[in-house]
Amino acid sequence: FDLGPREYWRKAPLDKDHPFRHLDYGVSGASNDVFE
């Protein structure tokens, strides 16, 4: 939630044990098919 207005992002579950969640990320593939 540090990356901008929350309404732009998909809603994440919030509770006392998980007050925030970390980002999920991926890494690109080969240069000829970057987003595969």
All heavy atoms as atom14 arrays in JSON, in Angstrom:
{
  "sequence": "FDLGPREYWRKAPLDKDHPFRHLDYGVSGASNDVFE",
  "atom14_mask": [
    [1, 1, 1, 1, 1, 1, 1, 1, 1, 1, 1, 0, 0, 0],
    [1, 1, 1, 1, 1, 1, 1, 1, 0, 0, 0, 0, 0, 0],
    [1, 1, 1, 1, 1, 1, 1, 1, 0, 0, 0, 0, 0, 0],
    [1, 1, 1, 1, 0, 0, 0, 0, 0, 0, 0, 0, 0, 0],
    [1, 1, 1, 1, 1, 1, 1, 0, 0, 0, 0, 0, 0, 0],
    [1, 1, 1, 1, 1, 1, 1, 1, 1, 1, 1, 0, 0, 0],
    [1, 1, 1, 1, 1, 1, 1, 1, 1, 0, 0, 0, 0, 0],
    [1, 1, 1, 1, 1, 1, 1, 1, 1, 1, 1, 1, 0, 0],
    [1, 1, 1, 1, 1, 1, 1, 1, 1, 1, 1, 1, 1, 1],
    [1, 1, 1, 1, 1, 1, 1, 1, 1, 1, 1, 0, 0, 0],
    [1, 1, 1, 1, 1, 1, 1, 1, 1, 0, 0, 0, 0, 0],
    [1, 1, 1, 1, 1, 0, 0, 0, 0, 0, 0, 0, 0, 0],
    [1, 1, 1, 1, 1, 1, 1, 0, 0, 0, 0, 0, 0, 0],
    [1, 1, 1, 1, 1, 1, 1, 1, 0, 0, 0, 0, 0, 0],
    [1, 1, 1, 1, 1, 1, 1, 1, 0, 0, 0, 0, 0, 0],
    [1, 1, 1, 1, 1, 1, 1, 1, 1, 0, 0, 0, 0, 0],
    [1, 1, 1, 1, 1, 1, 1, 1, 0, 0, 0, 0, 0, 0],
    [1, 1, 1, 1, 1, 1, 1, 1, 1, 1, 0, 0, 0, 0],
    [1, 1, 1, 1, 1, 1, 1, 0, 0, 0, 0, 0, 0, 0],
    [1, 1, 1, 1, 1, 1, 1, 1, 1, 1, 1, 0, 0, 0],
    [1, 1, 1, 1, 1, 1, 1, 1, 1, 1, 1, 0, 0, 0],
    [1, 1, 1, 1, 1, 1, 1, 1, 1, 1, 0, 0, 0, 0],
    [1, 1, 1, 1, 1, 1, 1, 1, 0, 0, 0, 0, 0, 0],
    [1, 1, 1, 1, 1, 1, 1, 1, 0, 0, 0, 0, 0, 0],
    [1, 1, 1, 1, 1, 1, 1, 1, 1, 1, 1, 1, 0, 0],
    [1, 1, 1, 1, 0, 0, 0, 0, 0, 0, 0, 0, 0, 0],
    [1, 1, 1, 1, 1, 1, 1, 0, 0, 0, 0, 0, 0, 0],
    [1, 1, 1, 1, 1, 1, 0, 0, 0, 0, 0, 0, 0, 0],
    [1, 1, 1, 1, 0, 0, 0, 0, 0, 0, 0, 0, 0, 0],
    [1, 1, 1, 1, 1, 0, 0, 0, 0, 0, 0, 0, 0, 0],
    [1, 1, 1, 1, 1, 1, 0, 0, 0, 0, 0, 0, 0, 0],
    [1, 1, 1, 1, 1, 1, 1, 1, 0, 0, 0, 0, 0, 0],
    [1, 1, 1, 1, 1, 1, 1, 1, 0, 0, 0, 0, 0, 0],
    [1, 1, 1, 1, 1, 1, 1, 0, 0, 0, 0, 0, 0, 0],
    [1, 1, 1, 1, 1, 1, 1, 1, 1, 1, 1, 0, 0, 0],
    [1, 1, 1, 1, 1, 1, 1, 1, 1, 0, 0, 0, 0, 0]
  ],
  "atom14_positions": [
    [[0.8, -1.21, 0.0], [0.0, 0.0, 0.0], [0.84, 1.27, 0.0], [0.31, 2.37, 0.09], [-0.95, -0.01, 1.21], [-1.87, -1.18, 1.21], [-1.63, -2.24, 2.07], [-2.93, -1.25, 0.36], [-2.46, -3.34, 2.08], [-3.76, -2.36, 0.35], [-3.53, -3.4, 1.21], [0.0, 0.0, 0.0], [0.0, 0.0, 0.0], [0.0, 0.0, 0.0]],
    [[2.16, 1.14, -0.11], [3.02, 2.3, -0.17], [3.15, 2.86, -1.58], [3.75, 3.91, -1.78], [4.42, 1.97, 0.36], [4.46, 1.83, 1.87], [3.52, 2.32, 2.52], [5.42, 1.25, 2.39], [0.0, 0.0, 0.0], [0.0, 0.0, 0.0], [0.0, 0.0, 0.0], [0.0, 0.0, 0.0], [0.0, 0.0, 0.0], [0.0, 0.0, 0.0]],
    [[2.63, 2.17, -2.56], [2.89, 2.52, -3.95], [1.82, 3.39, -4.59], [1.84, 3.63, -5.78], [3.08, 1.26, -4.78], [4.33, 0.45, -4.44], [4.45, -0.74, -5.34], [5.58, 1.3, -4.55], [0.0, 0.0, 0.0], [0.0, 0.0, 0.0], [0.0, 0.0, 0.0], [0.0, 0.0, 0.0], [0.0, 0.0, 0.0], [0.0, 0.0, 0.0]],
    [[0.86, 3.85, -3.84], [-0.12, 4.75, -4.41], [-1.49, 4.55, -3.84], [-1.69, 3.78, -2.9], [0.0, 0.0, 0.0], [0.0, 0.0, 0.0], [0.0, 0.0, 0.0], [0.0, 0.0, 0.0], [0.0, 0.0, 0.0], [0.0, 0.0, 0.0], [0.0, 0.0, 0.0], [0.0, 0.0, 0.0], [0.0, 0.0, 0.0], [0.0, 0.0, 0.0]],
    [[-2.48, 5.25, -4.38], [-3.85, 5.14, -3.89], [-4.37, 3.71, -3.95], [-4.3, 3.06, -5.0], [-4.64, 6.05, -4.84], [-3.61, 6.94, -5.46], [-2.36, 6.16, -5.52], [0.0, 0.0, 0.0], [0.0, 0.0, 0.0], [0.0, 0.0, 0.0], [0.0, 0.0, 0.0], [0.0, 0.0, 0.0], [0.0, 0.0, 0.0], [0.0, 0.0, 0.0]],
    [[-4.9, 3.21, -2.84], [-5.31, 1.83, -2.76], [-6.43, 1.5, -3.74], [-6.51, 0.37, -4.23], [-5.77, 1.5, -1.33], [-6.15, 0.04, -1.17], [-6.65, -0.27, 0.22], [-7.07, -1.66, 0.3], [-7.72, -2.19, 1.31], [-8.03, -1.45, 2.33], [-8.08, -3.45, 1.29], [0.0, 0.0, 0.0], [0.0, 0.0, 0.0], [0.0, 0.0, 0.0]],
    [[-7.27, 2.48, -4.06], [-8.41, 2.18, -4.92], [-7.98, 1.74, -6.32], [-8.76, 1.15, -7.07], [-9.35, 3.39, -5.04], [-8.7, 4.65, -5.61], [-8.23, 5.58, -4.5], [-7.98, 5.06, -3.39], [-8.09, 6.78, -4.74], [0.0, 0.0, 0.0], [0.0, 0.0, 0.0], [0.0, 0.0, 0.0], [0.0, 0.0, 0.0], [0.0, 0.0, 0.0]],
    [[-6.73, 2.02, -6.66], [-6.26, 1.59, -7.97], [-5.84, 0.13, -8.0], [-5.71, -0.47, -9.04], [-5.06, 2.45, -8.42], [-5.46, 3.83, -8.9], [-5.27, 4.94, -8.11], [-6.01, 4.0, -10.15], [-5.61, 6.2, -8.56], [-6.35, 5.26, -10.61], [-6.15, 6.35, -9.81], [-6.5, 7.6, -10.24], [0.0, 0.0, 0.0], [0.0, 0.0, 0.0]],
    [[-5.57, -0.41, -6.84], [-5.05, -1.77, -6.79], [-6.15, -2.74, -6.39], [-7.17, -2.35, -5.81], [-3.89, -1.89, -5.79], [-2.95, -0.75, -5.81], [-2.46, -0.05, -4.74], [-2.36, -0.11, -6.95], [-1.62, 0.94, -5.13], [-1.54, 0.93, -6.48], [-2.45, -0.34, -8.33], [-0.83, 1.75, -7.33], [-1.73, 0.46, -9.18], [-0.92, 1.49, -8.68]],
    [[-5.92, -4.0, -6.67], [-6.86, -4.99, -6.22], [-6.85, -5.05, -4.7], [-5.84, -4.86, -4.06], [-6.54, -6.37, -6.81], [-5.18, -6.93, -6.47], [-5.01, -8.28, -7.17], [-3.65, -8.76, -7.08], [-3.11, -9.38, -6.07], [-3.82, -9.59, -5.02], [-1.87, -9.8, -6.09], [0.0, 0.0, 0.0], [0.0, 0.0, 0.0], [0.0, 0.0, 0.0]],
    [[-8.0, -5.3, -4.1], [-8.14, -5.27, -2.65], [-7.46, -6.48, -2.03], [-7.6, -7.6, -2.47], [-9.61, -5.22, -2.26], [-10.32, -3.96, -2.73], [-11.78, -3.97, -2.35], [-12.47, -2.71, -2.85], [-13.9, -2.72, -2.51], [0.0, 0.0, 0.0], [0.0, 0.0, 0.0], [0.0, 0.0, 0.0], [0.0, 0.0, 0.0], [0.0, 0.0, 0.0]],
    [[-6.73, -6.23, -0.99], [-6.04, -7.29, -0.28], [-6.64, -7.45, 1.11], [-7.13, -6.5, 1.7], [-4.55, -6.96, -0.15], [0.0, 0.0, 0.0], [0.0, 0.0, 0.0], [0.0, 0.0, 0.0], [0.0, 0.0, 0.0], [0.0, 0.0, 0.0], [0.0, 0.0, 0.0], [0.0, 0.0, 0.0], [0.0, 0.0, 0.0], [0.0, 0.0, 0.0]],
    [[-6.65, -8.68, 1.65], [-7.21, -8.89, 2.97], [-6.38, -8.21, 4.05], [-5.16, -8.28, 4.05], [-7.17, -10.41, 3.11], [-6.07, -10.86, 2.19], [-6.09, -9.89, 1.05], [0.0, 0.0, 0.0], [0.0, 0.0, 0.0], [0.0, 0.0, 0.0], [0.0, 0.0, 0.0], [0.0, 0.0, 0.0], [0.0, 0.0, 0.0], [0.0, 0.0, 0.0]],
    [[-7.04, -7.53, 4.95], [-6.38, -6.86, 6.05], [-6.94, -7.39, 7.36], [-8.14, -7.46, 7.55], [-6.59, -5.35, 5.99], [-5.93, -4.6, 4.82], [-6.34, -3.14, 4.84], [-4.43, -4.72, 4.9], [0.0, 0.0, 0.0], [0.0, 0.0, 0.0], [0.0, 0.0, 0.0], [0.0, 0.0, 0.0], [0.0, 0.0, 0.0], [0.0, 0.0, 0.0]],
    [[-6.09, -7.78, 8.27], [-6.5, -8.19, 9.59], [-5.37, -7.9, 10.56], [-4.3, -7.43, 10.18], [-6.91, -9.66, 9.64], [-5.82, -10.61, 9.13], [-4.68, -10.49, 9.6], [-6.12, -11.45, 8.28], [0.0, 0.0, 0.0], [0.0, 0.0, 0.0], [0.0, 0.0, 0.0], [0.0, 0.0, 0.0], [0.0, 0.0, 0.0], [0.0, 0.0, 0.0]],
    [[-5.61, -8.17, 11.85], [-4.63, -7.82, 12.87], [-3.32, -8.57, 12.72], [-2.26, -8.09, 13.11], [-5.22, -8.08, 14.26], [-5.58, -9.54, 14.54], [-6.15, -9.72, 15.94], [-6.49, -11.2, 16.2], [-7.02, -11.38, 17.57], [0.0, 0.0, 0.0], [0.0, 0.0, 0.0], [0.0, 0.0, 0.0], [0.0, 0.0, 0.0], [0.0, 0.0, 0.0]],
    [[-3.39, -9.79, 12.17], [-2.19, -10.57, 11.99], [-1.44, -10.22, 10.7], [-0.24, -10.47, 10.58], [-2.52, -12.07, 11.98], [-3.1, -12.54, 13.31], [-2.62, -12.05, 14.36], [-4.02, -13.38, 13.29], [0.0, 0.0, 0.0], [0.0, 0.0, 0.0], [0.0, 0.0, 0.0], [0.0, 0.0, 0.0], [0.0, 0.0, 0.0], [0.0, 0.0, 0.0]],
    [[-2.15, -9.67, 9.73], [-1.55, -9.29, 8.46], [-1.98, -7.87, 8.12], [-2.84, -7.66, 7.26], [-1.95, -10.26, 7.35], [-1.53, -11.66, 7.61], [-2.32, -12.54, 8.33], [-0.42, -12.36, 7.27], [-1.71, -13.7, 8.41], [-0.56, -13.62, 7.79], [0.0, 0.0, 0.0], [0.0, 0.0, 0.0], [0.0, 0.0, 0.0], [0.0, 0.0, 0.0]],
    [[-1.4, -6.86, 8.79], [-1.82, -5.48, 8.54], [-1.46, -4.99, 7.14], [-2.0, -4.01, 6.67], [-1.04, -4.69, 9.6], [0.15, -5.55, 9.91], [-0.34, -6.96, 9.8], [0.0, 0.0, 0.0], [0.0, 0.0, 0.0], [0.0, 0.0, 0.0], [0.0, 0.0, 0.0], [0.0, 0.0, 0.0], [0.0, 0.0, 0.0], [0.0, 0.0, 0.0]],
    [[-0.56, -5.65, 6.47], [-0.23, -5.33, 5.09], [0.32, -6.59, 4.43], [0.63, -7.57, 5.07], [0.8, -4.2, 5.0], [2.15, -4.55, 5.57], [3.11, -5.14, 4.78], [2.44, -4.29, 6.9], [4.35, -5.49, 5.3], [3.69, -4.63, 7.43], [4.64, -5.22, 6.63], [0.0, 0.0, 0.0], [0.0, 0.0, 0.0], [0.0, 0.0, 0.0]],
    [[0.41, -6.57, 3.14], [1.05, -7.69, 2.47], [2.11, -7.16, 1.54], [2.07, -6.0, 1.11], [0.03, -8.53, 1.69], [-0.51, -7.89, 0.43], [-1.35, -8.91, -0.34], [-1.91, -8.36, -1.55], [-1.24, -8.22, -2.68], [0.02, -8.56, -2.75], [-1.82, -7.71, -3.75], [0.0, 0.0, 0.0], [0.0, 0.0, 0.0], [0.0, 0.0, 0.0]],
    [[3.08, -7.97, 1.26], [4.14, -7.58, 0.36], [3.73, -7.82, -1.08], [2.77, -8.52, -1.37], [5.43, -8.34, 0.69], [6.0, -7.97, 2.03], [6.52, -6.73, 2.28], [6.12, -8.66, 3.17], [6.94, -6.69, 3.54], [6.71, -7.85, 4.1], [0.0, 0.0, 0.0], [0.0, 0.0, 0.0], [0.0, 0.0, 0.0], [0.0, 0.0, 0.0]],
    [[4.49, -7.22, -1.96], [4.17, -7.29, -3.37], [4.54, -8.64, -3.97], [5.54, -9.24, -3.61], [4.92, -6.19, -4.12], [4.52, -4.75, -3.73], [5.68, -3.81, -4.0], [3.32, -4.31, -4.5], [0.0, 0.0, 0.0], [0.0, 0.0, 0.0], [0.0, 0.0, 0.0], [0.0, 0.0, 0.0], [0.0, 0.0, 0.0], [0.0, 0.0, 0.0]],
    [[3.72, -9.07, -4.88], [4.01, -10.27, -5.65], [4.65, -9.82, -6.97], [4.18, -8.89, -7.6], [2.71, -11.04, -5.92], [2.98, -12.37, -6.59], [3.89, -13.08, -6.16], [2.29, -12.68, -7.58], [0.0, 0.0, 0.0], [0.0, 0.0, 0.0], [0.0, 0.0, 0.0], [0.0, 0.0, 0.0], [0.0, 0.0, 0.0], [0.0, 0.0, 0.0]],
    [[5.73, -10.47, -7.37], [6.44, -10.0, -8.55], [6.88, -11.14, -9.45], [6.98, -12.29, -9.03], [7.65, -9.15, -8.16], [8.8, -9.94, -7.56], [9.85, -10.39, -8.35], [8.84, -10.23, -6.2], [10.9, -11.1, -7.8], [9.89, -10.94, -5.64], [10.92, -11.38, -6.45], [11.96, -12.1, -5.9], [0.0, 0.0, 0.0], [0.0, 0.0, 0.0]],
    [[7.15, -10.8, -10.7], [7.68, -11.73, -11.66], [8.84, -11.1, -12.41], [9.04, -9.88, -12.36], [0.0, 0.0, 0.0], [0.0, 0.0, 0.0], [0.0, 0.0, 0.0], [0.0, 0.0, 0.0], [0.0, 0.0, 0.0], [0.0, 0.0, 0.0], [0.0, 0.0, 0.0], [0.0, 0.0, 0.0], [0.0, 0.0, 0.0], [0.0, 0.0, 0.0]],
    [[9.6, -11.92, -13.1], [10.77, -11.46, -13.85], [10.6, -11.88, -15.3], [10.15, -12.99, -15.59], [12.08, -12.02, -13.27], [13.29, -11.48, -14.04], [12.2, -11.67, -11.78], [0.0, 0.0, 0.0], [0.0, 0.0, 0.0], [0.0, 0.0, 0.0], [0.0, 0.0, 0.0], [0.0, 0.0, 0.0], [0.0, 0.0, 0.0], [0.0, 0.0, 0.0]],
    [[10.96, -11.0, -16.22], [10.76, -11.23, -17.64], [11.55, -12.42, -18.15], [12.56, -12.83, -17.57], [11.15, -9.99, -18.44], [12.54, -9.71, -18.28], [0.0, 0.0, 0.0], [0.0, 0.0, 0.0], [0.0, 0.0, 0.0], [0.0, 0.0, 0.0], [0.0, 0.0, 0.0], [0.0, 0.0, 0.0], [0.0, 0.0, 0.0], [0.0, 0.0, 0.0]],
    [[11.07, -12.96, -19.28], [11.74, -14.07, -19.93], [12.73, -13.6, -20.97], [13.37, -12.56, -20.82], [0.0, 0.0, 0.0], [0.0, 0.0, 0.0], [0.0, 0.0, 0.0], [0.0, 0.0, 0.0], [0.0, 0.0, 0.0], [0.0, 0.0, 0.0], [0.0, 0.0, 0.0], [0.0, 0.0, 0.0], [0.0, 0.0, 0.0], [0.0, 0.0, 0.0]],
    [[12.84, -14.37, -22.03], [13.79, -14.06, -23.09], [13.45, -12.72, -23.75], [12.3, -12.29, -23.79], [13.78, -15.17, -24.14], [0.0, 0.0, 0.0], [0.0, 0.0, 0.0], [0.0, 0.0, 0.0], [0.0, 0.0, 0.0], [0.0, 0.0, 0.0], [0.0, 0.0, 0.0], [0.0, 0.0, 0.0], [0.0, 0.0, 0.0], [0.0, 0.0, 0.0]],
    [[14.47, -12.07, -24.27], [14.3, -10.75, -24.85], [13.37, -10.74, -26.06], [12.79, -9.72, -26.39], [15.67, -10.17, -25.25], [16.32, -11.02, -26.18], [0.0, 0.0, 0.0], [0.0, 0.0, 0.0], [0.0, 0.0, 0.0], [0.0, 0.0, 0.0], [0.0, 0.0, 0.0], [0.0, 0.0, 0.0], [0.0, 0.0, 0.0], [0.0, 0.0, 0.0]],
    [[13.22, -11.9, -26.73], [12.33, -11.97, -27.89], [10.88, -12.27, -27.51], [10.01, -12.3, -28.36], [12.84, -13.0, -28.9], [12.87, -14.4, -28.34], [12.84, -14.59, -27.11], [12.92, -15.39, -29.22], [0.0, 0.0, 0.0], [0.0, 0.0, 0.0], [0.0, 0.0, 0.0], [0.0, 0.0, 0.0], [0.0, 0.0, 0.0], [0.0, 0.0, 0.0]],
    [[10.62, -12.52, -26.22], [9.26, -12.78, -25.75], [9.19, -12.37, -24.28], [9.0, -13.19, -23.39], [8.91, -14.26, -25.93], [7.41, -14.48, -26.03], [6.64, -13.51, -25.9], [6.99, -15.62, -26.26], [0.0, 0.0, 0.0], [0.0, 0.0, 0.0], [0.0, 0.0, 0.0], [0.0, 0.0, 0.0], [0.0, 0.0, 0.0], [0.0, 0.0, 0.0]],
    [[9.31, -11.07, -24.05], [9.54, -10.52, -22.72], [8.42, -10.87, -21.75], [8.67, -11.23, -20.59], [9.71, -8.99, -22.81], [9.8, -8.38, -21.42], [10.94, -8.65, -23.63], [0.0, 0.0, 0.0], [0.0, 0.0, 0.0], [0.0, 0.0, 0.0], [0.0, 0.0, 0.0], [0.0, 0.0, 0.0], [0.0, 0.0, 0.0], [0.0, 0.0, 0.0]],
    [[7.17, -10.8, -22.19], [6.04, -10.95, -21.28], [5.44, -12.35, -21.25], [4.37, -12.55, -20.69], [4.94, -9.94, -21.65], [5.01, -8.69, -20.84], [5.9, -7.69, -21.17], [4.22, -8.51, -19.72], [5.98, -6.52, -20.43], [4.29, -7.37, -18.96], [5.17, -6.35, -19.31], [0.0, 0.0, 0.0], [0.0, 0.0, 0.0], [0.0, 0.0, 0.0]],
    [[6.13, -13.31, -21.83], [5.6, -14.67, -21.83], [5.4, -15.19, -20.41], [4.44, -15.91, -20.12], [6.53, -15.6, -22.6], [6.01, -17.04, -22.69], [6.98, -17.97, -23.37], [8.13, -17.56, -23.62], [6.59, -19.11, -23.67], [0.0, 0.0, 0.0], [0.0, 0.0, 0.0], [0.0, 0.0, 0.0], [0.0, 0.0, 0.0], [0.0, 0.0, 0.0]]
  ]
}
